Amino acid sequence: MKTIGNYEARTHWSEILQGVKNGERYVILHKGEPIAELIPPQGDNKQVRSRRAAEKMLRLMAARASVEVDINALVDEGRD
């Protein structure tokens, strides 16, 4: 979730709305105090669900140890 000031929210409204459309969440501050949260609707669209699935997959891949595969050995094994 990103925090932005009231002035920034007003001056960059179209970019912020595009971010919300893409699944971003914002907390709008006024004099350093949170006054509003701008979040996508609960019924996520297909693009947001796809992005979340891809992010989850990337986190899973990063957490796993890398595996080295010798393609030539596998090919040779299949020739036996």
PDB file of N, CA and C in Angstrom:
ATOM      1  N   MET A   1       0.852  -1.164   0.000  1.00  0.00           N
ATOM      2  CA  MET A   1       0.000   0.000   0.000  1.00  0.00           C
ATOM      3  C   MET A   1       0.904   1.235   0.000  1.00  0.00           C
ATOM      4  N   LYS A   2       0.613   2.155  -0.876  1.00  0.00           N
ATOM      5  CA  LYS A   2       1.416   3.374  -1.002  1.00  0.00           C
ATOM      6  C   LYS A   2       0.731   4.516  -0.249  1.00  0.00           C
ATOM      7  N   THR A   3       1.531   5.389   0.311  1.00  0.00           N
ATOM      8  CA  THR A   3       0.976   6.583   0.943  1.00  0.00           C
ATOM      9  C   THR A   3       1.318   7.788   0.079  1.00  0.00           C
ATOM     10  N   ILE A   4       0.330   8.665  -0.085  1.00  0.00           N
ATOM     11  CA  ILE A   4       0.524   9.878  -0.881  1.00  0.00           C
ATOM     12  C   ILE A   4      -0.160  11.040  -0.177  1.00  0.00           C
ATOM     13  N   GLY A   5       0.379  12.204  -0.386  1.00  0.00           N
ATOM     14  CA  GLY A   5      -0.220  13.404   0.186  1.00  0.00           C
ATOM     15  C   GLY A   5      -1.443  13.851  -0.585  1.00  0.00           C
ATOM     16  N   ASN A   6      -2.260  14.638   0.074  1.00  0.00           N
ATOM     17  CA  ASN A   6      -3.479  15.167  -0.524  1.00  0.00           C
ATOM     18  C   ASN A   6      -3.176  15.933  -1.813  1.00  0.00           C
ATOM     19  N   TYR A   7      -2.159  16.800  -1.786  1.00  0.00           N
ATOM     20  CA  TYR A   7      -1.801  17.581  -2.964  1.00  0.00           C
ATOM     21  C   TYR A   7      -1.382  16.667  -4.112  1.00  0.00           C
ATOM     22  N   GLU A   8      -0.541  15.679  -3.813  1.00  0.00           N
ATOM     23  CA  GLU A   8      -0.093  14.735  -4.840  1.00  0.00           C
ATOM     24  C   GLU A   8      -1.276  13.972  -5.431  1.00  0.00           C
ATOM     25  N   ALA A   9      -2.213  13.592  -4.570  1.00  0.00           N
ATOM     26  CA  ALA A   9      -3.397  12.867  -5.048  1.00  0.00           C
ATOM     27  C   ALA A   9      -4.187  13.714  -6.045  1.00  0.00           C
ATOM     28  N   ARG A  10      -4.320  15.000  -5.737  1.00  0.00           N
ATOM     29  CA  ARG A  10      -5.068  15.878  -6.636  1.00  0.00           C
ATOM     30  C   ARG A  10      -4.329  16.123  -7.942  1.00  0.00           C
ATOM     31  N   THR A  11      -3.011  16.294  -7.869  1.00  0.00           N
ATOM     32  CA  THR A  11      -2.263  16.645  -9.078  1.00  0.00           C
ATOM     33  C   THR A  11      -1.968  15.440  -9.970  1.00  0.00           C
ATOM     34  N   HIS A  12      -2.010  14.246  -9.403  1.00  0.00           N
ATOM     35  CA  HIS A  12      -1.709  13.037 -10.181  1.00  0.00           C
ATOM     36  C   HIS A  12      -2.891  12.065 -10.175  1.00  0.00           C
ATOM     37  N   TRP A  13      -4.086  12.603 -10.115  1.00  0.00           N
ATOM     38  CA  TRP A  13      -5.287  11.780  -9.964  1.00  0.00           C
ATOM     39  C   TRP A  13      -5.411  10.710 -11.047  1.00  0.00           C
ATOM     40  N   SER A  14      -5.179  11.063 -12.302  1.00  0.00           N
ATOM     41  CA  SER A  14      -5.364  10.084 -13.379  1.00  0.00           C
ATOM     42  C   SER A  14      -4.363   8.930 -13.262  1.00  0.00           C
ATOM     43  N   GLU A  15      -3.110   9.226 -12.875  1.00  0.00           N
ATOM     44  CA  GLU A  15      -2.127   8.148 -12.690  1.00  0.00           C
ATOM     45  C   GLU A  15      -2.488   7.263 -11.504  1.00  0.00           C
ATOM     46  N   ILE A  16      -2.990   7.886 -10.450  1.00  0.00           N
ATOM     47  CA  ILE A  16      -3.387   7.125  -9.265  1.00  0.00           C
ATOM     48  C   ILE A  16      -4.559   6.205  -9.604  1.00  0.00           C
ATOM     49  N   LEU A  17      -5.529   6.715 -10.328  1.00  0.00           N
ATOM     50  CA  LEU A  17      -6.661   5.871 -10.724  1.00  0.00           C
ATOM     51  C   LEU A  17      -6.208   4.713 -11.603  1.00  0.00           C
ATOM     52  N   GLN A  18      -5.241   4.962 -12.479  1.00  0.00           N
ATOM     53  CA  GLN A  18      -4.697   3.876 -13.306  1.00  0.00           C
ATOM     54  C   GLN A  18      -4.028   2.834 -12.407  1.00  0.00           C
ATOM     55  N   GLY A  19      -3.301   3.307 -11.386  1.00  0.00           N
ATOM     56  CA  GLY A  19      -2.689   2.389 -10.440  1.00  0.00           C
ATOM     57  C   GLY A  19      -3.721   1.551  -9.708  1.00  0.00           C
ATOM     58  N   VAL A  20      -4.803   2.179  -9.279  1.00  0.00           N
ATOM     59  CA  VAL A  20      -5.882   1.444  -8.606  1.00  0.00           C
ATOM     60  C   VAL A  20      -6.483   0.424  -9.561  1.00  0.00           C
ATOM     61  N   LYS A  21      -6.661   0.821 -10.802  1.00  0.00           N
ATOM     62  CA  LYS A  21      -7.193  -0.101 -11.807  1.00  0.00           C
ATOM     63  C   LYS A  21      -6.282  -1.314 -11.961  1.00  0.00           C
ATOM     64  N   ASN A  22      -4.968  -1.115 -11.770  1.00  0.00           N
ATOM     65  CA  ASN A  22      -3.997  -2.198 -11.879  1.00  0.00           C
ATOM     66  C   ASN A  22      -3.761  -2.922 -10.559  1.00  0.00           C
ATOM     67  N   GLY A  23      -4.586  -2.616  -9.540  1.00  0.00           N
ATOM     68  CA  GLY A  23      -4.499  -3.339  -8.285  1.00  0.00           C
ATOM     69  C   GLY A  23      -3.738  -2.648  -7.170  1.00  0.00           C
ATOM     70  N   GLU A  24      -3.218  -1.442  -7.415  1.00  0.00           N
ATOM     71  CA  GLU A  24      -2.493  -0.707  -6.367  1.00  0.00           C
ATOM     72  C   GLU A  24      -3.471  -0.193  -5.319  1.00  0.00           C
ATOM     73  N   ARG A  25      -2.956  -0.019  -4.104  1.00  0.00           N
ATOM     74  CA  ARG A  25      -3.744   0.537  -3.003  1.00  0.00           C
ATOM     75  C   ARG A  25      -3.016   1.767  -2.481  1.00  0.00           C
ATOM     76  N   TYR A  26      -3.781   2.787  -2.122  1.00  0.00           N
ATOM     77  CA  TYR A  26      -3.202   4.049  -1.671  1.00  0.00           C
ATOM     78  C   TYR A  26      -3.856   4.494  -0.368  1.00  0.00           C
ATOM     79  N   VAL A  27      -3.049   5.101   0.494  1.00  0.00           N
ATOM     80  CA  VAL A  27      -3.549   5.821   1.655  1.00  0.00           C
ATOM     81  C   VAL A  27      -3.259   7.286   1.375  1.00  0.00           C
ATOM     82  N   ILE A  28      -4.298   8.102   1.430  1.00  0.00           N
ATOM     83  CA  ILE A  28      -4.151   9.530   1.168  1.00  0.00           C
ATOM     84  C   ILE A  28      -3.994  10.247   2.503  1.00  0.00           C
ATOM     85  N   LEU A  29      -2.952  11.073   2.585  1.00  0.00           N
ATOM     86  CA  LEU A  29      -2.631  11.789   3.817  1.00  0.00           C
ATOM     87  C   LEU A  29      -2.974  13.268   3.681  1.00  0.00           C
ATOM     88  N   HIS A  30      -3.402  13.855   4.796  1.00  0.00           N
ATOM     89  CA  HIS A  30      -3.611  15.301   4.877  1.00  0.00           C
ATOM     90  C   HIS A  30      -2.868  15.766   6.123  1.00  0.00           C
ATOM     91  N   LYS A  31      -1.846  16.573   5.901  1.00  0.00           N
ATOM     92  CA  LYS A  31      -0.983  17.046   6.987  1.00  0.00           C
ATOM     93  C   LYS A  31      -0.391  15.866   7.759  1.00  0.00           C
ATOM     94  N   GLY A  32      -0.013  14.826   7.010  1.00  0.00           N
ATOM     95  CA  GLY A  32       0.638  13.664   7.604  1.00  0.00           C
ATOM     96  C   GLY A  32      -0.294  12.649   8.240  1.00  0.00           C
ATOM     97  N   GLU A  33      -1.577  12.938   8.273  1.00  0.00           N
ATOM     98  CA  GLU A  33      -2.551  12.028   8.879  1.00  0.00           C
ATOM     99  C   GLU A  33      -3.354  11.319   7.786  1.00  0.00           C
ATOM    100  N   PRO A  34      -3.553  10.008   7.910  1.00  0.00           N
ATOM    101  CA  PRO A  34      -4.363   9.302   6.913  1.00  0.00           C
ATOM    102  C   PRO A  34      -5.815   9.771   6.958  1.00  0.00           C
ATOM    103  N   ILE A  35      -6.344  10.083   5.778  1.00  0.00           N
ATOM    104  CA  ILE A  35      -7.739  10.527   5.712  1.00  0.00           C
ATOM    105  C   ILE A  35      -8.590   9.626   4.822  1.00  0.00           C
ATOM    106  N   ALA A  36      -7.944   8.833   3.963  1.00  0.00           N
ATOM    107  CA  ALA A  36      -8.718   7.979   3.063  1.00  0.00           C
ATOM    108  C   ALA A  36      -7.849   6.846   2.540  1.00  0.00           C
ATOM    109  N   GLU A  37      -8.508   5.761   2.181  1.00  0.00           N
ATOM    110  CA  GLU A  37      -7.854   4.662   1.484  1.00  0.00           C
ATOM    111  C   GLU A  37      -8.518   4.520   0.128  1.00  0.00           C
ATOM    112  N   LEU A  38      -7.705   4.395  -0.880  1.00  0.00           N
ATOM    113  CA  LEU A  38      -8.202   4.224  -2.248  1.00  0.00           C
ATOM    114  C   LEU A  38      -7.775   2.835  -2.683  1.00  0.00           C
ATOM    115  N   ILE A  39      -8.756   1.939  -2.821  1.00  0.00           N
ATOM    116  CA  ILE A  39      -8.462   0.537  -3.135  1.00  0.00           C
ATOM    117  C   ILE A  39      -9.349   0.071  -4.272  1.00  0.00           C
ATOM    118  N   PRO A  40      -8.925  -0.977  -4.989  1.00  0.00           N
ATOM    119  CA  PRO A  40      -9.770  -1.516  -6.049  1.00  0.00           C
ATOM    120  C   PRO A  40     -11.023  -2.145  -5.442  1.00  0.00           C
ATOM    121  N   PRO A  41     -12.077  -2.259  -6.212  1.00  0.00           N
ATOM    122  CA  PRO A  41     -13.277  -2.924  -5.706  1.00  0.00           C
ATOM    123  C   PRO A  41     -12.980  -4.384  -5.358  1.00  0.00           C
ATOM    124  N   GLN A  42     -13.756  -4.927  -4.447  1.00  0.00           N
ATOM    125  CA  GLN A  42     -13.523  -6.284  -3.976  1.00  0.00           C
ATOM    126  C   GLN A  42     -13.658  -7.326  -5.084  1.00  0.00           C
ATOM    127  N   GLY A  43     -14.529  -7.128  -6.028  1.00  0.00           N
ATOM    128  CA  GLY A  43     -14.670  -8.054  -7.155  1.00  0.00           C
ATOM    129  C   GLY A  43     -13.512  -7.850  -8.107  1.00  0.00           C
ATOM    130  N   ASP A  44     -12.369  -8.480  -7.820  1.00  0.00           N
ATOM    131  CA  ASP A  44     -11.175  -8.272  -8.633  1.00  0.00           C
ATOM    132  C   ASP A  44     -11.429  -8.651 -10.088  1.00  0.00           C
ATOM    133  N   ASN A  45     -10.844  -7.872 -10.977  1.00  0.00           N
ATOM    134  CA  ASN A  45     -10.968  -8.198 -12.381  1.00  0.00           C
ATOM    135  C   ASN A  45      -9.909  -9.233 -12.776  1.00  0.00           C
ATOM    136  N   LYS A  46     -10.009  -9.715 -13.972  1.00  0.00           N
ATOM    137  CA  LYS A  46      -9.127 -10.775 -14.456  1.00  0.00           C
ATOM    138  C   LYS A  46      -7.656 -10.354 -14.433  1.00  0.00           C
ATOM    139  N   GLN A  47      -7.387  -9.115 -14.780  1.00  0.00           N
ATOM    140  CA  GLN A  47      -6.006  -8.623 -14.819  1.00  0.00           C
ATOM    141  C   GLN A  47      -5.390  -8.636 -13.420  1.00  0.00           C
ATOM    142  N   VAL A  48      -6.137  -8.218 -12.423  1.00  0.00           N
ATOM    143  CA  VAL A  48      -5.629  -8.180 -11.054  1.00  0.00           C
ATOM    144  C   VAL A  48      -5.383  -9.598 -10.548  1.00  0.00           C
ATOM    145  N   ARG A  49      -6.317 -10.506 -10.811  1.00  0.00           N
ATOM    146  CA  ARG A  49      -6.137 -11.897 -10.390  1.00  0.00           C
ATOM    147  C   ARG A  49      -4.913 -12.504 -11.052  1.00  0.00           C
ATOM    148  N   SER A  50      -4.700 -12.206 -12.329  1.00  0.00           N
ATOM    149  CA  SER A  50      -3.528 -12.726 -13.040  1.00  0.00           C
ATOM    150  C   SER A  50      -2.241 -12.169 -12.450  1.00  0.00           C
ATOM    151  N   ARG A  51      -2.229 -10.876 -12.142  1.00  0.00           N
ATOM    152  CA  ARG A  51      -1.042 -10.260 -11.558  1.00  0.00           C
ATOM    153  C   ARG A  51      -0.727 -10.887 -10.195  1.00  0.00           C
ATOM    154  N   ARG A  52      -1.748 -11.093  -9.377  1.00  0.00           N
ATOM    155  CA  ARG A  52      -1.526 -11.703  -8.068  1.00  0.00           C
ATOM    156  C   ARG A  52      -0.997 -13.121  -8.199  1.00  0.00           C
ATOM    157  N   ALA A  53      -1.527 -13.873  -9.150  1.00  0.00           N
ATOM    158  CA  ALA A  53      -1.050 -15.244  -9.363  1.00  0.00           C
ATOM    159  C   ALA A  53       0.414 -15.236  -9.810  1.00  0.00           C
ATOM    160  N   ALA A  54       0.760 -14.314 -10.699  1.00  0.00           N
ATOM    161  CA  ALA A  54       2.149 -14.226 -11.164  1.00  0.00           C
ATOM    162  C   ALA A  54       3.079 -13.815 -10.031  1.00  0.00           C
ATOM    163  N   GLU A  55       2.658 -12.871  -9.194  1.00  0.00           N
ATOM    164  CA  GLU A  55       3.477 -12.459  -8.051  1.00  0.00           C
ATOM    165  C   GLU A  55       3.668 -13.611  -7.068  1.00  0.00           C
ATOM    166  N   LYS A  56       2.608 -14.362  -6.844  1.00  0.00           N
ATOM    167  CA  LYS A  56       2.694 -15.521  -5.947  1.00  0.00           C
ATOM    168  C   LYS A  56       3.663 -16.560  -6.516  1.00  0.00           C
ATOM    169  N   MET A  57       3.598 -16.790  -7.819  1.00  0.00           N
ATOM    170  CA  MET A  57       4.490 -17.740  -8.465  1.00  0.00           C
ATOM    171  C   MET A  57       5.946 -17.280  -8.366  1.00  0.00           C
ATOM    172  N   LEU A  58       6.191 -15.994  -8.563  1.00  0.00           N
ATOM    173  CA  LEU A  58       7.550 -15.465  -8.458  1.00  0.00           C
ATOM    174  C   LEU A  58       8.095 -15.603  -7.036  1.00  0.00           C
ATOM    175  N   ARG A  59       7.244 -15.347  -6.032  1.00  0.00           N
ATOM    176  CA  ARG A  59       7.685 -15.519  -4.642  1.00  0.00           C
ATOM    177  C   ARG A  59       8.020 -16.977  -4.361  1.00  0.00           C
ATOM    178  N   LEU A  60       7.205 -17.894  -4.868  1.00  0.00           N
ATOM    179  CA  LEU A  60       7.451 -19.315  -4.685  1.00  0.00           C
ATOM    180  C   LEU A  60       8.753 -19.726  -5.359  1.00  0.00           C
ATOM    181  N   MET A  61       8.978 -19.249  -6.570  1.00  0.00           N
ATOM    182  CA  MET A  61      10.195 -19.588  -7.292  1.00  0.00           C
ATOM    183  C   MET A  61      11.429 -19.033  -6.589  1.00  0.00           C
ATOM    184  N   ALA A  62      11.325 -17.840  -6.028  1.00  0.00           N
ATOM    185  CA  ALA A  62      12.454 -17.228  -5.333  1.00  0.00           C
ATOM    186  C   ALA A  62      12.780 -17.982  -4.046  1.00  0.00           C
ATOM    187  N   ALA A  63      11.764 -18.562  -3.418  1.00  0.00           N
ATOM    188  CA  ALA A  63      11.968 -19.268  -2.153  1.00  0.00           C
ATOM    189  C   ALA A  63      12.577 -20.655  -2.357  1.00  0.00           C
ATOM    190  N   ARG A  64      12.415 -21.219  -3.524  1.00  0.00           N
ATOM    191  CA  ARG A  64      12.935 -22.566  -3.792  1.00  0.00           C
ATOM    192  C   ARG A  64      14.400 -22.505  -4.180  1.00  0.00           C
ATOM    193  N   ALA A  65      15.110 -23.567  -3.843  1.00  0.00           N
ATOM    194  CA  ALA A  65      16.511 -23.676  -4.246  1.00  0.00           C
ATOM    195  C   ALA A  65      16.564 -23.933  -5.753  1.00  0.00           C
ATOM    196  N   SER A  66      17.572 -23.374  -6.388  1.00  0.00           N
ATOM    197  CA  SER A  66      17.701 -23.593  -7.823  1.00  0.00           C
ATOM    198  C   SER A  66      18.107 -25.038  -8.094  1.00  0.00           C
ATOM    199  N   VAL A  67      17.665 -25.542  -9.210  1.00  0.00           N
ATOM    200  CA  VAL A  67      17.946 -26.920  -9.612  1.00  0.00           C
ATOM    201  C   VAL A  67      18.712 -26.871 -10.914  1.00  0.00           C
ATOM    202  N   GLU A  68      19.844 -27.573 -10.946  1.00  0.00           N
ATOM    203  CA  GLU A  68      20.621 -27.632 -12.169  1.00  0.00           C
ATOM    204  C   GLU A  68      20.289 -28.932 -12.894  1.00  0.00           C
ATOM    205  N   VAL A  69      20.032 -28.824 -14.164  1.00  0.00           N
ATOM    206  CA  VAL A  69      19.680 -29.980 -14.974  1.00  0.00           C
ATOM    207  C   VAL A  69      20.678 -30.090 -16.111  1.00  0.00           C
ATOM    208  N   ASP A  70      21.240 -31.281 -16.275  1.00  0.00           N
ATOM    209  CA  ASP A  70      22.157 -31.538 -17.378  1.00  0.00           C
ATOM    210  C   ASP A  70      21.339 -32.122 -18.527  1.00  0.00           C
ATOM    211  N   ILE A  71      20.984 -31.270 -19.460  1.00  0.00           N
ATOM    212  CA  ILE A  71      20.137 -31.682 -20.581  1.00  0.00           C
ATOM    213  C   ILE A  71      20.795 -32.793 -21.390  1.00  0.00           C
ATOM    214  N   ASN A  72      22.087 -32.674 -21.632  1.00  0.00           N
ATOM    215  CA  ASN A  72      22.787 -33.697 -22.420  1.00  0.00           C
ATOM    216  C   ASN A  72      22.714 -35.060 -21.744  1.00  0.00           C
ATOM    217  N   ALA A  73      22.847 -35.106 -20.422  1.00  0.00           N
ATOM    218  CA  ALA A  73      22.754 -36.377 -19.697  1.00  0.00           C
ATOM    219  C   ALA A  73      21.358 -36.969 -19.825  1.00  0.00           C
ATOM    220  N   LEU A  74      20.342 -36.109 -19.769  1.00  0.00           N
ATOM    221  CA  LEU A  74      18.974 -36.605 -19.925  1.00  0.00           C
ATOM    222  C   LEU A  74      18.734 -37.161 -21.325  1.00  0.00           C
ATOM    223  N   VAL A  75      19.269 -36.465 -22.318  1.00  0.00           N
ATOM    224  CA  VAL A  75      19.133 -36.946 -23.698  1.00  0.00           C
ATOM    225  C   VAL A  75      19.831 -38.283 -23.866  1.00  0.00           C
ATOM    226  N   ASP A  76      21.068 -38.357 -23.351  1.00  0.00           N
ATOM    227  CA  ASP A  76      21.819 -39.611 -23.434  1.00  0.00           C
ATOM    228  C   ASP A  76      21.083 -40.751 -22.698  1.00  0.00           C
ATOM    229  N   GLU A  77      20.481 -40.433 -21.558  1.00  0.00           N
ATOM    230  CA  GLU A  77      19.745 -41.442 -20.804  1.00  0.00           C
ATOM    231  C   GLU A  77      18.554 -41.953 -21.591  1.00  0.00           C
ATOM    232  N   GLY A  78      17.910 -41.069 -22.344  1.00  0.00           N
ATOM    233  CA  GLY A  78      16.764 -41.472 -23.145  1.00  0.00           C
ATOM    234  C   GLY A  78      17.142 -42.314 -24.340  1.00  0.00           C
ATOM    235  N   ARG A  79      18.402 -42.316 -24.729  1.00  0.00           N
ATOM    236  CA  ARG A  79      18.863 -43.085 -25.887  1.00  0.00           C
ATOM    237  C   ARG A  79      19.164 -44.526 -25.539  1.00  0.00           C
ATOM    238  N   ASP A  80      19.255 -44.842 -24.259  1.00  0.00           N
ATOM    239  CA  ASP A  80      19.576 -46.226 -23.846  1.00  0.00           C
ATOM    240  C   ASP A  80      18.461 -47.178 -24.152  1.00  0.00           C
TER     241      ASP A  80
END
